[in-house]
Amino acid sequence: MTVEIKKNLAYRRIAGEVFVVDAPRSEMHELNGPAALIWEGLAAGKTKKDLVKAMTAEFEVDGETALADLEIFIKDLLESGLLSAKSD
């Protein structure tokens, strides 16, 4: 399964944090640290492997933990309607 950011969302990095605006739902989400890194990576079309590599380089975390955290965050983003899933 691959995921992509839904088309109707806007986001911007401000002072080290990423703010995601879901105008149709009148919602704003604030992402910092690993969440911001993952979001921007997904926006750039990076793979899970690329994201895990970036997470281990940026934060003090091993690959297994980074992958587990990535999977949990992607699940949360899917459930909140910020990502859509596509079958591989």
C-alpha atoms as a PDB file:
ATOM      1  CA  MET A   1       0.000   0.000   0.000  1.00  0.00           C
ATOM      2  CA  THR A   2       1.233   3.461  -0.853  1.00  0.00           C
ATOM      3  CA  VAL A   3      -0.172   6.633   0.606  1.00  0.00           C
ATOM      4  CA  GLU A   4      -0.438  10.187  -0.621  1.00  0.00           C
ATOM      5  CA  ILE A   5      -1.512  13.473   0.848  1.00  0.00           C
ATOM      6  CA  LYS A   6      -5.059  14.388  -0.120  1.00  0.00           C
ATOM      7  CA  LYS A   7      -5.244  17.022  -2.834  1.00  0.00           C
ATOM      8  CA  ASN A   8      -7.464  19.534  -1.005  1.00  0.00           C
ATOM      9  CA  LEU A   9      -4.957  20.198   1.804  1.00  0.00           C
ATOM     10  CA  ALA A  10      -2.520  23.069   2.204  1.00  0.00           C
ATOM     11  CA  TYR A  11       0.535  23.011   4.431  1.00  0.00           C
ATOM     12  CA  ARG A  12       3.384  25.280   5.361  1.00  0.00           C
ATOM     13  CA  ARG A  13       6.471  25.085   7.582  1.00  0.00           C
ATOM     14  CA  ILE A  14       6.623  27.918  10.099  1.00  0.00           C
ATOM     15  CA  ALA A  15       9.278  28.147  12.825  1.00  0.00           C
ATOM     16  CA  GLY A  16      10.179  24.459  12.610  1.00  0.00           C
ATOM     17  CA  GLU A  17       6.610  23.175  12.654  1.00  0.00           C
ATOM     18  CA  VAL A  18       4.329  22.129   9.817  1.00  0.00           C
ATOM     19  CA  PHE A  19       0.772  23.421   9.799  1.00  0.00           C
ATOM     20  CA  VAL A  20      -1.724  21.458   7.705  1.00  0.00           C
ATOM     21  CA  VAL A  21      -4.969  23.183   6.746  1.00  0.00           C
ATOM     22  CA  ASP A  22      -7.982  21.099   5.796  1.00  0.00           C
ATOM     23  CA  ALA A  23     -10.246  23.895   4.561  1.00  0.00           C
ATOM     24  CA  PRO A  24     -13.244  21.695   3.628  1.00  0.00           C
ATOM     25  CA  ARG A  25     -13.377  20.411   7.222  1.00  0.00           C
ATOM     26  CA  SER A  26     -12.338  23.738   8.786  1.00  0.00           C
ATOM     27  CA  GLU A  27      -9.480  21.991  10.596  1.00  0.00           C
ATOM     28  CA  MET A  28      -5.836  22.820  11.184  1.00  0.00           C
ATOM     29  CA  HIS A  29      -3.223  20.325  12.334  1.00  0.00           C
ATOM     30  CA  GLU A  30       0.136  21.206  13.866  1.00  0.00           C
ATOM     31  CA  LEU A  31       3.008  18.780  13.268  1.00  0.00           C
ATOM     32  CA  ASN A  32       6.460  19.010  14.814  1.00  0.00           C
ATOM     33  CA  GLY A  33       9.586  16.868  15.051  1.00  0.00           C
ATOM     34  CA  PRO A  34       9.262  13.458  13.403  1.00  0.00           C
ATOM     35  CA  ALA A  35       5.673  14.156  12.319  1.00  0.00           C
ATOM     36  CA  ALA A  36       6.777  17.210  10.330  1.00  0.00           C
ATOM     37  CA  LEU A  37       9.649  15.269   8.763  1.00  0.00           C
ATOM     38  CA  ILE A  38       7.301  12.446   7.744  1.00  0.00           C
ATOM     39  CA  TRP A  39       4.675  14.833   6.343  1.00  0.00           C
ATOM     40  CA  GLU A  40       7.180  16.710   4.203  1.00  0.00           C
ATOM     41  CA  GLY A  41       8.678  13.415   3.048  1.00  0.00           C
ATOM     42  CA  LEU A  42       5.273  12.115   2.008  1.00  0.00           C
ATOM     43  CA  ALA A  43       4.596  15.401   0.204  1.00  0.00           C
ATOM     44  CA  ALA A  44       7.876  14.936  -1.682  1.00  0.00           C
ATOM     45  CA  GLY A  45       6.887  11.394  -2.703  1.00  0.00           C
ATOM     46  CA  LYS A  46       9.460   9.618  -0.538  1.00  0.00           C
ATOM     47  CA  THR A  47       9.126   5.916   0.181  1.00  0.00           C
ATOM     48  CA  LYS A  48       8.802   4.396   3.634  1.00  0.00           C
ATOM     49  CA  LYS A  49      12.412   3.247   3.323  1.00  0.00           C
ATOM     50  CA  ASP A  50      13.505   6.831   2.576  1.00  0.00           C
ATOM     51  CA  LEU A  51      11.494   8.138   5.520  1.00  0.00           C
ATOM     52  CA  VAL A  52      12.966   5.609   7.947  1.00  0.00           C
ATOM     53  CA  LYS A  53      16.458   6.553   6.780  1.00  0.00           C
ATOM     54  CA  ALA A  54      15.689  10.253   7.305  1.00  0.00           C
ATOM     55  CA  MET A  55      14.216   9.588  10.750  1.00  0.00           C
ATOM     56  CA  THR A  56      17.251   7.613  11.925  1.00  0.00           C
ATOM     57  CA  ALA A  57      19.584  10.321  10.609  1.00  0.00           C
ATOM     58  CA  GLU A  58      17.664  13.174  12.233  1.00  0.00           C
ATOM     59  CA  PHE A  59      16.570  11.626  15.533  1.00  0.00           C
ATOM     60  CA  GLU A  60      18.128   9.210  18.012  1.00  0.00           C
ATOM     61  CA  VAL A  61      16.117   6.194  16.946  1.00  0.00           C
ATOM     62  CA  ASP A  62      16.948   2.825  15.377  1.00  0.00           C
ATOM     63  CA  GLY A  63      15.429   1.649  12.091  1.00  0.00           C
ATOM     64  CA  GLU A  64      12.977  -0.788  13.669  1.00  0.00           C
ATOM     65  CA  THR A  65      11.570   1.849  16.018  1.00  0.00           C
ATOM     66  CA  ALA A  66      11.447   4.437  13.230  1.00  0.00           C
ATOM     67  CA  LEU A  67       9.479   2.067  10.995  1.00  0.00           C
ATOM     68  CA  ALA A  68       7.024   1.241  13.792  1.00  0.00           C
ATOM     69  CA  ASP A  69       6.511   4.940  14.552  1.00  0.00           C
ATOM     70  CA  LEU A  70       6.095   5.697  10.844  1.00  0.00           C
ATOM     71  CA  GLU A  71       3.420   3.011  10.456  1.00  0.00           C
ATOM     72  CA  ILE A  72       1.500   4.312  13.478  1.00  0.00           C
ATOM     73  CA  PHE A  73       1.633   7.904  12.240  1.00  0.00           C
ATOM     74  CA  ILE A  74       0.527   6.927   8.718  1.00  0.00           C
ATOM     75  CA  LYS A  75      -2.399   4.997  10.234  1.00  0.00           C
ATOM     76  CA  ASP A  76      -3.342   8.084  12.274  1.00  0.00           C
ATOM     77  CA  LEU A  77      -3.163  10.301   9.170  1.00  0.00           C
ATOM     78  CA  LEU A  78      -5.351   7.874   7.212  1.00  0.00           C
ATOM     79  CA  GLU A  79      -7.916   7.759  10.019  1.00  0.00           C
ATOM     80  CA  SER A  80      -7.979  11.557  10.275  1.00  0.00           C
ATOM     81  CA  GLY A  81      -8.593  11.852   6.527  1.00  0.00           C
ATOM     82  CA  LEU A  82      -5.329  13.613   5.677  1.00  0.00           C
ATOM     83  CA  LEU A  83      -3.953  10.771   3.539  1.00  0.00           C
ATOM     84  CA  SER A  84      -5.449   8.470   0.966  1.00  0.00           C
ATOM     85  CA  ALA A  85      -4.251   4.916   0.331  1.00  0.00           C
ATOM     86  CA  LYS A  86      -3.567   3.289  -3.001  1.00  0.00           C
ATOM     87  CA  SER A  87      -3.005  -0.420  -3.613  1.00  0.00           C
ATOM     88  CA  ASP A  88       0.430  -1.297  -4.978  1.00  0.00           C
END
